Amino acid sequence: MFFAAAIALLVACSNVKCNAKGDGNGALERDSVKDSTAFHEGGHDISVYVSIVFPKGNEALECGVTKFIGEFTGVDSTGTMTDVKTIARHYVENGAKQLKGMVFYKGDDRNAPSLSLNLSMGVMYENDRFLTMSAQQETYLGGAHGSLNTVGMTFSKADGKVIGKEILAQDKLNDIRKELTKRLNEMFLRLSDGDTEKAFSLKEDESGKPYVVELPSSGIFISGDDVVFRYQQYEIAPYVFGTPEAKISLQELKNNGWLEAEFAKSLEK
């Protein structure tokens, strides 16, 4: 429930409109905000923590990134908040309220599990043209283990717009999906030390046809020379595999004709 807003924003953010102009030259300064709360309720220790590092010095980029922060946290679905500190405070207050409503243990304090919500957002990658933000949210509500949701989102420094799935050639998506399936199966095999009998594999769909993985529900992002395709827990594999990802270099995507034509051309500049 905490992550529902984050998935929705990946569509919404692609429509973000920031009227300011950006500056695509040079590394940007960064600012940071931290906030938290901790209390005891109904036998549970409850805590909420947030840490956000964000760029400064490029008005268009600041606009796009702030909207991303507001929507990912579930604090500002309208994209009207401009102060990251205020967003962080609302996130902590809302998170505390939600966790308080999930209190289920009334017995001995010593046996009650802690309930927690931790969010970390920051700059994952930056070059002269792009900046990629990361967001990682860990939630524990009791039970054997918690849950982890982690996404990346790339922005253009020129206009603050999201660089997402639209950079892929839409008529080549099936080829890309096949390549992702191959790379993910190779990764699962490596994690099983090459044991093909024990390795998890994306082999067949329900009809028995060869399985071809969909693109990640949370989108794609640029990191270094690669486009990263990251899947959430349980999206394509059991919990033990966490958040599987596959990478395809921008150069390989371009060479195979898998990039949208104008974006591919822009890489030559």
Protein backbone atom coordinates (compact mmCIF):
# COMPACT_ATOMS: atom_id res chain seq x y z
CA MET A 1 0.00 0.00 0.00
CA PHE A 2 2.90 2.33 0.67
CA PHE A 3 4.30 1.71 -2.81
CA ALA A 4 1.10 2.10 -4.83
CA ALA A 5 1.70 5.83 -5.25
CA ALA A 6 5.22 5.16 -6.48
CA ILE A 7 4.06 2.92 -9.34
CA ALA A 8 1.38 5.44 -10.34
CA LEU A 9 3.88 8.26 -10.47
CA LEU A 10 5.94 6.53 -13.14
CA VAL A 11 3.15 7.31 -15.54
CA ALA A 12 2.34 10.69 -14.04
CA CYS A 13 5.91 11.94 -13.99
CA SER A 14 6.28 11.37 -17.72
CA ASN A 15 3.63 14.08 -18.15
CA VAL A 16 5.30 16.59 -15.81
CA LYS A 17 5.53 20.03 -17.35
CA CYS A 18 8.16 22.41 -15.98
CA ASN A 19 8.23 25.73 -17.76
CA ALA A 20 11.72 26.71 -16.63
CA LYS A 21 14.73 26.17 -18.86
CA GLY A 22 17.57 23.93 -17.73
CA ASP A 23 21.32 23.97 -17.98
CA GLY A 24 22.91 20.83 -19.31
CA ASN A 25 26.51 21.70 -18.49
CA GLY A 26 28.48 20.58 -15.46
CA ALA A 27 27.72 18.77 -12.23
CA LEU A 28 25.05 20.29 -10.03
CA GLU A 29 25.13 21.19 -6.37
CA ARG A 30 23.10 19.02 -4.02
CA ASP A 31 21.00 19.63 -0.95
CA SER A 32 19.67 17.14 1.57
CA VAL A 33 16.84 16.64 4.04
CA LYS A 34 16.41 14.10 6.84
CA ASP A 35 13.40 13.56 9.09
CA SER A 36 12.15 10.84 11.40
CA THR A 37 9.89 9.84 14.26
CA ALA A 38 9.81 6.95 16.72
CA PHE A 39 7.22 5.97 19.34
CA HIS A 40 5.58 3.05 21.14
CA GLU A 41 2.03 1.99 20.36
CA GLY A 42 0.01 -1.10 21.33
CA GLY A 43 3.09 -3.11 22.26
CA HIS A 44 5.02 -2.17 19.10
CA ASP A 45 8.03 0.06 18.59
CA ILE A 46 7.18 2.15 15.52
CA SER A 47 9.62 4.22 13.47
CA VAL A 48 9.59 6.21 10.24
CA TYR A 49 12.75 7.59 8.66
CA VAL A 50 13.39 9.52 5.46
CA SER A 51 16.59 10.80 3.84
CA ILE A 52 16.51 12.73 0.56
CA VAL A 53 19.42 14.12 -1.46
CA PHE A 54 18.38 16.25 -4.43
CA PRO A 55 19.99 18.53 -7.06
CA LYS A 56 20.11 22.32 -6.90
CA GLY A 57 21.08 24.94 -9.45
CA ASN A 58 18.96 23.89 -12.43
CA GLU A 59 15.41 25.21 -12.20
CA ALA A 60 13.84 22.82 -14.71
CA LEU A 61 15.53 19.80 -13.18
CA GLU A 62 14.60 20.88 -9.66
CA CYS A 63 10.98 21.09 -10.79
CA GLY A 64 10.94 17.59 -12.28
CA VAL A 65 12.83 15.98 -9.40
CA THR A 66 10.67 17.66 -6.73
CA LYS A 67 7.53 16.38 -8.44
CA PHE A 68 9.07 12.91 -8.49
CA ILE A 69 9.82 13.13 -4.76
CA GLY A 70 6.33 14.41 -3.96
CA GLU A 71 4.57 11.71 -5.94
CA PHE A 72 6.83 8.81 -4.93
CA THR A 73 6.30 9.59 -1.25
CA GLY A 74 2.55 9.78 -1.83
CA VAL A 75 2.55 13.26 -0.30
CA ASP A 76 1.82 15.37 -3.37
CA SER A 77 -0.06 13.76 -6.26
CA THR A 78 -0.76 17.14 -7.86
CA GLY A 79 2.88 18.18 -8.21
CA THR A 80 2.30 21.56 -6.56
CA MET A 81 4.66 21.27 -3.58
CA THR A 82 8.05 22.88 -4.14
CA ASP A 83 9.72 22.42 -0.74
CA VAL A 84 11.40 19.04 -0.22
CA LYS A 85 11.65 19.61 3.54
CA THR A 86 7.86 19.97 3.75
CA ILE A 87 7.38 16.84 1.66
CA ALA A 88 9.67 14.89 3.99
CA ARG A 89 7.77 16.07 7.08
CA HIS A 90 4.42 15.06 5.55
CA TYR A 91 5.88 11.67 4.59
CA VAL A 92 6.94 11.01 8.18
CA GLU A 93 3.59 12.15 9.59
CA ASN A 94 1.58 10.10 7.09
CA GLY A 95 3.78 7.05 7.56
CA ALA A 96 3.46 7.21 11.34
CA LYS A 97 -0.31 7.46 11.05
CA GLN A 98 -0.51 4.46 8.70
CA LEU A 99 1.77 2.30 10.86
CA LYS A 100 -0.16 3.26 13.97
CA GLY A 101 -3.31 2.01 12.26
CA MET A 102 -1.64 -1.37 11.63
CA VAL A 103 -0.95 -2.12 15.30
CA PHE A 104 -2.19 -5.64 15.94
CA TYR A 105 -0.45 -6.86 19.09
CA LYS A 106 -1.97 -6.28 22.53
CA GLY A 107 0.08 -8.72 24.62
CA ASP A 108 3.48 -8.69 26.28
CA ASP A 109 5.63 -5.86 24.90
CA ARG A 110 8.62 -8.16 24.65
CA ASN A 111 6.93 -10.25 21.97
CA ALA A 112 5.62 -7.47 19.77
CA PRO A 113 7.49 -6.93 16.48
CA SER A 114 8.70 -3.49 15.53
CA LEU A 115 6.92 -1.76 12.66
CA SER A 116 9.04 0.47 10.43
CA LEU A 117 9.11 2.49 7.25
CA ASN A 118 12.41 3.73 5.84
CA LEU A 119 12.88 5.76 2.66
CA SER A 120 16.13 6.83 1.04
CA MET A 121 16.21 8.95 -2.14
CA GLY A 122 19.27 10.38 -3.82
CA VAL A 123 21.27 11.04 -6.97
CA MET A 124 22.35 7.74 -8.46
CA TYR A 125 24.04 9.01 -11.62
CA GLU A 126 24.78 12.29 -13.34
CA ASN A 127 26.48 13.40 -16.53
CA ASP A 128 26.32 16.59 -18.60
CA ARG A 129 22.90 15.72 -20.05
CA PHE A 130 21.09 13.45 -17.59
CA LEU A 131 20.54 12.96 -13.89
CA THR A 132 19.13 9.76 -12.41
CA MET A 133 17.42 9.70 -9.04
CA SER A 134 17.11 6.54 -6.94
CA ALA A 135 14.39 5.74 -4.42
CA GLN A 136 14.48 2.82 -2.02
CA GLN A 137 11.72 2.11 0.47
CA GLU A 138 11.91 -0.63 3.10
CA THR A 139 8.77 -1.59 5.01
CA TYR A 140 8.45 -4.02 7.89
CA LEU A 141 5.01 -4.87 9.23
CA GLY A 142 5.87 -8.04 11.15
CA GLY A 143 6.26 -11.55 9.77
CA ALA A 144 9.25 -13.39 8.35
CA HIS A 145 10.63 -10.46 6.40
CA GLY A 146 9.91 -6.96 5.24
CA SER A 147 9.47 -5.64 1.73
CA LEU A 148 11.75 -3.58 -0.48
CA ASN A 149 10.77 -1.34 -3.37
CA THR A 150 13.51 0.35 -5.34
CA VAL A 151 13.28 2.42 -8.52
CA GLY A 152 15.36 4.76 -10.60
CA MET A 153 14.17 7.68 -12.70
CA THR A 154 16.23 9.63 -15.23
CA PHE A 155 15.67 13.31 -16.01
CA SER A 156 16.90 15.56 -18.81
CA LYS A 157 18.92 18.50 -17.54
CA ALA A 158 17.71 20.54 -20.49
CA ASP A 159 14.02 20.60 -19.54
CA GLY A 160 13.52 18.48 -16.42
CA LYS A 161 11.47 15.88 -18.31
CA VAL A 162 11.61 12.16 -17.53
CA ILE A 163 13.69 9.96 -19.82
CA GLY A 164 11.75 6.69 -19.74
CA LYS A 165 10.39 3.89 -21.89
CA GLU A 166 9.68 6.28 -24.74
CA ILE A 167 13.41 6.22 -25.65
CA LEU A 168 12.94 2.62 -26.82
CA ALA A 169 11.86 1.87 -30.38
CA GLN A 170 8.22 0.89 -29.92
CA ASP A 171 8.24 -1.52 -32.85
CA LYS A 172 11.22 -3.38 -31.35
CA LEU A 173 9.88 -3.92 -27.83
CA ASN A 174 9.41 -7.66 -28.36
CA ASP A 175 13.07 -8.03 -29.38
CA ILE A 176 14.12 -6.10 -26.28
CA ARG A 177 11.90 -8.26 -24.07
CA LYS A 178 13.43 -11.43 -25.51
CA GLU A 179 16.93 -10.12 -24.80
CA LEU A 180 15.93 -9.20 -21.24
CA THR A 181 14.51 -12.70 -20.71
CA LYS A 182 17.79 -14.21 -21.88
CA ARG A 183 19.90 -12.02 -19.62
CA LEU A 184 17.70 -12.56 -16.60
CA ASN A 185 17.84 -16.35 -17.04
CA GLU A 186 21.62 -16.13 -17.30
CA MET A 187 21.67 -14.16 -14.04
CA PHE A 188 19.42 -16.69 -12.27
CA LEU A 189 21.74 -19.49 -13.46
CA ARG A 190 24.82 -17.71 -12.10
CA LEU A 191 23.10 -17.28 -8.74
CA SER A 192 22.62 -21.06 -8.67
CA ASP A 193 26.32 -21.66 -9.40
CA GLY A 194 25.51 -22.96 -12.85
CA ASP A 195 23.23 -25.75 -11.61
CA THR A 196 20.56 -25.88 -14.33
CA GLU A 197 18.34 -28.23 -12.30
CA LYS A 198 18.19 -25.94 -9.26
CA ALA A 199 18.22 -22.60 -11.09
CA PHE A 200 15.05 -20.55 -11.29
CA SER A 201 14.19 -19.88 -14.92
CA LEU A 202 11.70 -17.86 -16.94
CA LYS A 203 10.88 -20.74 -19.29
CA GLU A 204 7.20 -21.05 -20.17
CA ASP A 205 3.99 -19.11 -19.73
CA GLU A 206 0.68 -20.67 -18.61
CA SER A 207 -0.03 -21.94 -22.12
CA GLY A 208 3.33 -23.66 -22.38
CA LYS A 209 4.78 -21.15 -24.83
CA PRO A 210 8.29 -19.74 -24.27
CA TYR A 211 8.01 -17.02 -21.63
CA VAL A 212 9.00 -13.50 -22.64
CA VAL A 213 9.27 -11.06 -19.76
CA GLU A 214 7.39 -7.76 -19.86
CA LEU A 215 9.18 -4.46 -19.40
CA PRO A 216 9.42 -3.47 -15.70
CA SER A 217 6.25 -1.94 -14.26
CA SER A 218 8.35 0.74 -12.57
CA GLY A 219 10.05 1.84 -15.78
CA ILE A 220 13.66 2.07 -16.89
CA PHE A 221 16.54 4.40 -16.13
CA ILE A 222 20.01 5.34 -17.32
CA SER A 223 23.09 4.60 -15.22
CA GLY A 224 26.49 5.17 -16.77
CA ASP A 225 26.53 3.75 -20.29
CA ASP A 226 23.60 1.43 -19.63
CA VAL A 227 19.83 1.39 -19.61
CA VAL A 228 18.71 -0.51 -16.51
CA PHE A 229 15.57 -2.65 -16.46
CA ARG A 230 14.78 -3.27 -12.77
CA TYR A 231 11.92 -5.43 -11.53
CA GLN A 232 10.26 -5.25 -8.12
CA GLN A 233 10.01 -8.06 -5.59
CA TYR A 234 7.73 -10.85 -6.84
CA GLU A 235 7.23 -9.12 -10.19
CA ILE A 236 8.99 -11.86 -12.14
CA ALA A 237 10.69 -14.07 -9.52
CA PRO A 238 10.37 -15.35 -5.93
CA TYR A 239 11.26 -13.16 -2.94
CA VAL A 240 14.72 -14.69 -2.57
CA PHE A 241 15.83 -12.96 -5.81
CA GLY A 242 14.98 -9.52 -4.46
CA THR A 243 14.68 -6.90 -7.20
CA PRO A 244 16.21 -8.54 -10.31
CA GLU A 245 17.59 -6.30 -13.02
CA ALA A 246 19.16 -6.54 -16.44
CA LYS A 247 21.25 -3.95 -18.25
CA ILE A 248 21.67 -3.23 -21.93
CA SER A 249 24.19 -0.63 -22.99
CA LEU A 250 23.02 2.44 -24.86
CA GLN A 251 25.47 1.55 -27.61
CA GLU A 252 24.06 -1.95 -28.03
CA LEU A 253 20.51 -0.63 -28.04
CA LYS A 254 21.51 1.88 -30.70
CA ASN A 255 23.41 -0.66 -32.82
CA ASN A 256 20.41 -3.02 -32.79
CA GLY A 257 17.98 -0.28 -33.76
CA TRP A 258 16.24 -0.62 -30.39
CA LEU A 259 16.31 3.09 -29.55
CA GLU A 260 13.78 5.66 -30.71
CA ALA A 261 15.31 7.36 -33.75
CA GLU A 262 15.53 10.92 -32.41
CA PHE A 263 16.95 9.81 -29.08
CA ALA A 264 19.52 7.60 -30.84
CA LYS A 265 20.53 10.59 -32.99
CA SER A 266 20.86 12.80 -29.92
CA LEU A 267 23.50 10.45 -28.47
CA GLU A 268 25.82 11.40 -31.33
CA LYS A 269 25.91 15.07 -30.31
